[in-house]
Protein backbone atom coordinates (compact mmCIF):
# COMPACT_ATOMS: atom_id res chain seq x y z
CA UNK A 1 -32.69 16.99 6.07
CA UNK A 2 -32.90 15.41 9.52
CA UNK A 3 -36.03 17.39 10.42
CA UNK A 4 -37.71 16.10 7.25
CA UNK A 5 -37.04 12.50 8.32
CA UNK A 6 -38.49 13.37 11.73
CA UNK A 7 -41.64 14.71 10.04
CA UNK A 8 -42.03 11.49 8.06
CA UNK A 9 -41.61 9.43 11.23
CA UNK A 10 -44.41 11.44 12.84
CA UNK A 11 -46.56 10.79 9.78
CA UNK A 12 -45.91 7.03 10.15
CA UNK A 13 -46.97 7.18 13.82
CA UNK A 14 -50.20 8.96 12.89
CA UNK A 15 -50.88 6.37 10.16
CA UNK A 16 -50.28 3.61 12.72
CA UNK A 17 -53.07 5.21 14.74
CA UNK A 18 -55.45 4.72 11.82
CA UNK A 19 -54.49 1.05 11.60
CA UNK A 20 -55.03 0.60 15.35
CA UNK A 21 -58.38 2.36 15.13
CA UNK A 22 -59.51 0.20 12.22
CA UNK A 23 -58.77 -2.86 14.34
CA UNK A 24 -60.94 -1.55 17.17
CA UNK A 25 -58.14 -0.48 19.49
CA UNK A 26 -59.39 3.05 20.02
CA UNK A 27 -57.31 4.04 23.05
CA UNK A 28 -54.06 2.90 21.44
CA UNK A 29 -55.04 4.79 18.29
CA UNK A 30 -55.70 7.98 20.26
CA UNK A 31 -52.34 7.64 22.03
CA UNK A 32 -50.60 7.08 18.70
CA UNK A 33 -52.26 10.19 17.27
CA UNK A 34 -51.21 12.23 20.31
CA UNK A 35 -47.58 11.11 20.00
CA UNK A 36 -47.57 11.77 16.24
CA UNK A 37 -49.13 15.20 16.69
CA UNK A 38 -46.63 16.16 19.40
CA UNK A 39 -43.93 15.27 16.90
CA UNK A 40 -45.67 17.35 14.24
CA UNK A 41 -45.75 20.32 16.62
CA UNK A 42 -41.98 20.03 17.05
CA UNK A 43 -41.62 19.72 13.28
CA UNK A 44 -43.91 22.72 12.72
CA UNK A 45 -41.81 24.85 15.07
CA UNK A 46 -38.71 24.03 13.04
CA UNK A 47 -40.34 24.81 9.70
CA UNK A 48 -42.37 27.73 11.13
CA UNK A 49 -45.76 26.33 10.09
CA UNK A 50 -48.04 27.87 12.70
CA UNK A 51 -51.35 26.93 11.07
CA UNK A 52 -50.52 23.21 11.16
CA UNK A 53 -49.09 23.58 14.68
CA UNK A 54 -52.47 24.94 15.80
CA UNK A 55 -54.27 22.06 14.07
CA UNK A 56 -52.01 19.47 15.70
CA UNK A 57 -52.56 21.05 19.13
CA UNK A 58 -56.34 21.01 18.63
CA UNK A 59 -56.23 17.36 17.55
CA UNK A 60 -54.20 16.48 20.66
CA UNK A 61 -56.87 18.09 22.86
CA UNK A 62 -59.65 16.21 21.03
CA UNK A 63 -57.78 12.91 21.40
CA UNK A 64 -57.20 13.50 25.13
CA UNK A 65 -60.93 14.16 25.47
CA UNK A 66 -61.57 10.92 23.55
CA UNK A 67 -59.43 8.89 25.96
CA UNK A 68 -61.24 10.33 29.00
CA UNK A 69 -64.61 9.77 27.32
CA UNK A 70 -63.81 6.13 26.54
CA UNK A 71 -62.51 5.50 30.06
CA UNK A 72 -65.54 7.20 31.64
CA UNK A 73 -68.14 5.38 29.53
CA UNK A 74 -66.36 2.05 29.99
CA UNK A 75 -66.32 2.62 33.75
CA UNK A 76 -70.03 3.53 33.79
CA UNK A 77 -70.96 0.45 31.73
CA UNK A 78 -68.91 -1.78 34.03
CA UNK A 79 -70.79 -0.45 37.06
CA UNK A 80 -74.14 -1.12 35.37
CA UNK A 81 -73.32 -4.79 34.76
């Protein structure tokens, strides 16, 4: 029962990321998605759901790339100004 509550908390964190993204706060959204997906990986280990664990890990990697991309392009734009 406790692991199910944990899974729902991770879902809430991922949904928070969508709210942050819709408000234009992309980096905070990506961080929220990473935290939620780390939680989902833990949850997936407990329930032995390897396909979703793989998906969550792939999403984490994409979100980390997104953070570096945003930081790099913001830095390049700042130098051009």
